[in-house]
Amino acid sequence: MTMMWKLGVKILYKYFVKLQWMPKREDYRSTRSYNNVWGFFAEILAVVKQNNHPEFDKYYEIAVQNGMDPSVLEKKLKELTEVKQSFIEIEMN
């Protein structure tokens, strides 16, 4: 998992800080497509948060200030927790 959150931080840095690129509603044909892009970033943020990365708050604030609904991250955190729990249950059996 360590490699995954390191990659996630690199992706967030590249898009949010270096390129200053954020999904904008007008760039997408549908609200669903727009929400899917924020969902992708929320998945990365969820992994970063679960691994207690010190820069999580910075990237989270950037995302929320630029249009990500905080509930998207909460949903992804719940999904990640469920996936992790399913692996724990498999290992115990």
N, C-alpha and C. Protein backbone atom coordinates (compact mmCIF):
# COMPACT_ATOMS: atom_id res chain seq x y z
N MET A 1 0.82 -1.19 0.00
CA MET A 1 0.00 0.00 0.00
C MET A 1 0.86 1.26 0.00
N THR A 2 2.06 1.16 0.57
CA THR A 2 2.94 2.33 0.64
C THR A 2 3.23 2.89 -0.73
N MET A 3 3.52 2.03 -1.68
CA MET A 3 3.80 2.48 -3.04
C MET A 3 2.60 3.21 -3.64
N MET A 4 1.40 2.72 -3.32
CA MET A 4 0.18 3.31 -3.87
C MET A 4 0.00 4.74 -3.38
N TRP A 5 0.18 4.99 -2.07
CA TRP A 5 -0.05 6.36 -1.59
C TRP A 5 1.05 7.29 -2.04
N LYS A 6 2.27 6.78 -2.23
CA LYS A 6 3.34 7.63 -2.76
C LYS A 6 3.00 8.06 -4.18
N LEU A 7 2.51 7.11 -4.97
CA LEU A 7 2.08 7.43 -6.34
C LEU A 7 0.92 8.41 -6.31
N GLY A 8 -0.01 8.21 -5.39
CA GLY A 8 -1.16 9.10 -5.27
C GLY A 8 -0.74 10.53 -4.97
N VAL A 9 0.21 10.69 -4.06
CA VAL A 9 0.69 12.03 -3.72
C VAL A 9 1.36 12.67 -4.93
N LYS A 10 2.10 11.90 -5.70
CA LYS A 10 2.74 12.44 -6.91
C LYS A 10 1.69 12.91 -7.91
N ILE A 11 0.64 12.13 -8.07
CA ILE A 11 -0.44 12.51 -9.00
C ILE A 11 -1.12 13.79 -8.52
N LEU A 12 -1.46 13.85 -7.24
CA LEU A 12 -2.11 15.04 -6.71
C LEU A 12 -1.22 16.26 -6.85
N TYR A 13 0.06 16.11 -6.56
CA TYR A 13 0.99 17.24 -6.69
C TYR A 13 1.04 17.72 -8.14
N LYS A 14 1.16 16.77 -9.06
CA LYS A 14 1.28 17.14 -10.48
C LYS A 14 0.06 17.92 -10.95
N TYR A 15 -1.13 17.40 -10.67
CA TYR A 15 -2.33 18.05 -11.18
C TYR A 15 -2.73 19.29 -10.38
N PHE A 16 -2.72 19.18 -9.05
CA PHE A 16 -3.23 20.26 -8.21
C PHE A 16 -2.24 21.41 -8.02
N VAL A 17 -0.95 21.11 -7.94
CA VAL A 17 0.04 22.14 -7.63
C VAL A 17 0.82 22.56 -8.87
N LYS A 18 1.47 21.60 -9.51
CA LYS A 18 2.34 21.93 -10.64
C LYS A 18 1.54 22.45 -11.84
N LEU A 19 0.54 21.70 -12.26
CA LEU A 19 -0.25 22.11 -13.43
C LEU A 19 -1.42 23.02 -13.06
N GLN A 20 -1.78 23.04 -11.80
CA GLN A 20 -2.95 23.77 -11.31
C GLN A 20 -4.19 23.43 -12.13
N TRP A 21 -4.36 22.14 -12.41
CA TRP A 21 -5.49 21.67 -13.20
C TRP A 21 -6.53 21.08 -12.26
N MET A 22 -7.75 21.49 -12.45
CA MET A 22 -8.89 20.97 -11.69
C MET A 22 -10.01 20.68 -12.67
N PRO A 23 -10.81 19.65 -12.40
CA PRO A 23 -11.97 19.43 -13.25
C PRO A 23 -12.92 20.63 -13.17
N LYS A 24 -13.40 21.05 -14.32
CA LYS A 24 -14.37 22.15 -14.39
C LYS A 24 -15.63 21.61 -15.07
N ARG A 25 -16.75 21.92 -14.51
CA ARG A 25 -18.03 21.39 -15.03
C ARG A 25 -18.19 21.67 -16.52
N GLU A 26 -17.79 22.84 -16.98
CA GLU A 26 -18.00 23.19 -18.39
C GLU A 26 -17.14 22.36 -19.35
N ASP A 27 -16.16 21.65 -18.83
CA ASP A 27 -15.30 20.81 -19.68
C ASP A 27 -15.89 19.43 -19.94
N TYR A 28 -17.03 19.13 -19.36
CA TYR A 28 -17.61 17.79 -19.47
C TYR A 28 -19.03 17.86 -20.02
N ARG A 29 -19.38 16.86 -20.80
CA ARG A 29 -20.70 16.83 -21.43
C ARG A 29 -21.81 16.59 -20.42
N SER A 30 -21.49 15.86 -19.37
CA SER A 30 -22.53 15.53 -18.40
C SER A 30 -22.02 15.70 -16.97
N THR A 31 -22.97 15.88 -16.08
CA THR A 31 -22.62 15.97 -14.66
C THR A 31 -21.99 14.67 -14.20
N ARG A 32 -22.47 13.58 -14.74
CA ARG A 32 -21.93 12.26 -14.37
C ARG A 32 -20.43 12.16 -14.70
N SER A 33 -20.04 12.60 -15.88
CA SER A 33 -18.62 12.57 -16.27
C SER A 33 -17.79 13.45 -15.34
N TYR A 34 -18.31 14.63 -15.05
CA TYR A 34 -17.63 15.56 -14.14
C TYR A 34 -17.46 14.92 -12.76
N ASN A 35 -18.52 14.32 -12.25
CA ASN A 35 -18.46 13.68 -10.94
C ASN A 35 -17.51 12.49 -10.94
N ASN A 36 -17.43 11.77 -12.04
CA ASN A 36 -16.51 10.64 -12.14
C ASN A 36 -15.06 11.08 -12.03
N VAL A 37 -14.74 12.23 -12.60
CA VAL A 37 -13.37 12.74 -12.50
C VAL A 37 -13.05 13.07 -11.06
N TRP A 38 -13.97 13.76 -10.38
CA TRP A 38 -13.73 14.05 -8.96
C TRP A 38 -13.67 12.77 -8.15
N GLY A 39 -14.43 11.76 -8.57
CA GLY A 39 -14.37 10.46 -7.90
C GLY A 39 -13.00 9.83 -8.00
N PHE A 40 -12.36 9.97 -9.15
CA PHE A 40 -11.00 9.47 -9.34
C PHE A 40 -10.04 10.14 -8.35
N PHE A 41 -10.10 11.46 -8.27
CA PHE A 41 -9.23 12.17 -7.34
C PHE A 41 -9.59 11.82 -5.89
N ALA A 42 -10.86 11.62 -5.60
CA ALA A 42 -11.28 11.26 -4.24
C ALA A 42 -10.74 9.89 -3.85
N GLU A 43 -10.66 8.96 -4.81
CA GLU A 43 -10.07 7.65 -4.51
C GLU A 43 -8.61 7.80 -4.11
N ILE A 44 -7.89 8.64 -4.82
CA ILE A 44 -6.49 8.88 -4.48
C ILE A 44 -6.40 9.54 -3.11
N LEU A 45 -7.23 10.54 -2.87
CA LEU A 45 -7.23 11.21 -1.57
C LEU A 45 -7.55 10.23 -0.44
N ALA A 46 -8.46 9.31 -0.68
CA ALA A 46 -8.83 8.32 0.34
C ALA A 46 -7.62 7.47 0.72
N VAL A 47 -6.86 7.02 -0.26
CA VAL A 47 -5.67 6.21 0.02
C VAL A 47 -4.64 7.04 0.78
N VAL A 48 -4.46 8.28 0.35
CA VAL A 48 -3.50 9.17 1.02
C VAL A 48 -3.93 9.39 2.47
N LYS A 49 -5.22 9.63 2.70
CA LYS A 49 -5.73 9.85 4.06
C LYS A 49 -5.56 8.60 4.91
N GLN A 50 -5.90 7.45 4.37
CA GLN A 50 -5.80 6.20 5.13
C GLN A 50 -4.36 5.91 5.56
N ASN A 51 -3.41 6.46 4.83
CA ASN A 51 -2.00 6.25 5.16
C ASN A 51 -1.39 7.42 5.93
N ASN A 52 -2.27 8.29 6.42
CA ASN A 52 -1.85 9.41 7.28
C ASN A 52 -0.74 10.26 6.67
N HIS A 53 -0.84 10.53 5.39
CA HIS A 53 0.17 11.36 4.75
C HIS A 53 0.03 12.79 5.26
N PRO A 54 1.16 13.44 5.60
CA PRO A 54 1.10 14.77 6.18
C PRO A 54 0.53 15.86 5.26
N GLU A 55 0.52 15.62 3.97
CA GLU A 55 0.01 16.64 3.04
C GLU A 55 -1.45 16.41 2.63
N PHE A 56 -2.11 15.42 3.26
CA PHE A 56 -3.49 15.15 2.90
C PHE A 56 -4.36 16.41 3.00
N ASP A 57 -4.28 17.11 4.13
CA ASP A 57 -5.14 18.28 4.33
C ASP A 57 -4.95 19.32 3.24
N LYS A 58 -3.72 19.50 2.81
CA LYS A 58 -3.42 20.47 1.74
C LYS A 58 -4.16 20.10 0.46
N TYR A 59 -4.03 18.85 0.04
CA TYR A 59 -4.67 18.42 -1.21
C TYR A 59 -6.19 18.37 -1.07
N TYR A 60 -6.66 17.99 0.09
CA TYR A 60 -8.11 17.96 0.32
C TYR A 60 -8.70 19.37 0.21
N GLU A 61 -8.06 20.33 0.83
CA GLU A 61 -8.54 21.72 0.76
C GLU A 61 -8.53 22.24 -0.68
N ILE A 62 -7.48 21.92 -1.42
CA ILE A 62 -7.42 22.34 -2.82
C ILE A 62 -8.60 21.76 -3.59
N ALA A 63 -8.87 20.47 -3.38
CA ALA A 63 -9.95 19.80 -4.10
C ALA A 63 -11.31 20.41 -3.75
N VAL A 64 -11.58 20.61 -2.47
CA VAL A 64 -12.87 21.16 -2.04
C VAL A 64 -13.04 22.59 -2.54
N GLN A 65 -11.99 23.39 -2.44
CA GLN A 65 -12.07 24.78 -2.90
C GLN A 65 -12.31 24.87 -4.41
N ASN A 66 -11.98 23.80 -5.12
CA ASN A 66 -12.12 23.83 -6.57
C ASN A 66 -13.26 22.98 -7.10
N GLY A 67 -14.18 22.58 -6.21
CA GLY A 67 -15.40 21.96 -6.69
C GLY A 67 -15.70 20.54 -6.25
N MET A 68 -14.79 19.86 -5.57
CA MET A 68 -15.10 18.50 -5.13
C MET A 68 -16.03 18.56 -3.93
N ASP A 69 -17.11 17.83 -3.99
CA ASP A 69 -18.04 17.74 -2.87
C ASP A 69 -17.40 16.84 -1.80
N PRO A 70 -17.30 17.30 -0.56
CA PRO A 70 -16.69 16.49 0.51
C PRO A 70 -17.33 15.11 0.67
N SER A 71 -18.60 14.98 0.31
CA SER A 71 -19.27 13.68 0.44
C SER A 71 -18.67 12.64 -0.50
N VAL A 72 -18.05 13.10 -1.59
CA VAL A 72 -17.40 12.16 -2.53
C VAL A 72 -16.24 11.46 -1.82
N LEU A 73 -15.45 12.22 -1.08
CA LEU A 73 -14.34 11.61 -0.34
C LEU A 73 -14.88 10.66 0.73
N GLU A 74 -15.91 11.07 1.43
CA GLU A 74 -16.47 10.19 2.47
C GLU A 74 -16.92 8.86 1.88
N LYS A 75 -17.54 8.92 0.70
CA LYS A 75 -17.99 7.70 0.03
C LYS A 75 -16.79 6.82 -0.33
N LYS A 76 -15.74 7.43 -0.84
CA LYS A 76 -14.56 6.66 -1.23
C LYS A 76 -13.83 6.09 -0.02
N LEU A 77 -13.81 6.84 1.09
CA LEU A 77 -13.21 6.32 2.31
C LEU A 77 -13.98 5.09 2.81
N LYS A 78 -15.31 5.17 2.73
CA LYS A 78 -16.14 4.03 3.14
C LYS A 78 -15.87 2.82 2.24
N GLU A 79 -15.79 3.04 0.94
CA GLU A 79 -15.51 1.95 0.00
C GLU A 79 -14.14 1.33 0.28
N LEU A 80 -13.15 2.18 0.53
CA LEU A 80 -11.80 1.68 0.81
C LEU A 80 -11.79 0.85 2.09
N THR A 81 -12.48 1.32 3.11
CA THR A 81 -12.57 0.58 4.37
C THR A 81 -13.22 -0.78 4.15
N GLU A 82 -14.27 -0.82 3.34
CA GLU A 82 -14.96 -2.08 3.05
C GLU A 82 -14.05 -3.04 2.30
N VAL A 83 -13.27 -2.53 1.35
CA VAL A 83 -12.34 -3.39 0.60
C VAL A 83 -11.28 -3.94 1.54
N LYS A 84 -10.71 -3.07 2.37
CA LYS A 84 -9.70 -3.52 3.32
C LYS A 84 -10.27 -4.57 4.27
N GLN A 85 -11.50 -4.37 4.73
CA GLN A 85 -12.14 -5.32 5.63
C GLN A 85 -12.35 -6.66 4.94
N SER A 86 -12.72 -6.65 3.67
CA SER A 86 -12.93 -7.91 2.96
C SER A 86 -11.63 -8.70 2.84
N PHE A 87 -10.50 -8.01 2.68
CA PHE A 87 -9.22 -8.70 2.63
C PHE A 87 -8.86 -9.28 3.99
N ILE A 88 -9.18 -8.55 5.05
CA ILE A 88 -8.92 -9.07 6.39
C ILE A 88 -9.73 -10.32 6.64
N GLU A 89 -11.00 -10.30 6.22
CA GLU A 89 -11.86 -11.48 6.40
C GLU A 89 -11.34 -12.66 5.58
N ILE A 90 -10.84 -12.44 4.39
CA ILE A 90 -10.29 -13.51 3.56
C ILE A 90 -9.06 -14.10 4.23
N GLU A 91 -8.19 -13.26 4.77
CA GLU A 91 -6.97 -13.72 5.43
C GLU A 91 -7.30 -14.54 6.67
N MET A 92 -8.38 -14.19 7.36
CA MET A 92 -8.74 -14.90 8.59
C MET A 92 -9.34 -16.26 8.31
N ASN A 93 -9.87 -16.46 7.11
CA ASN A 93 -10.50 -17.75 6.77
C ASN A 93 -9.52 -18.70 6.26
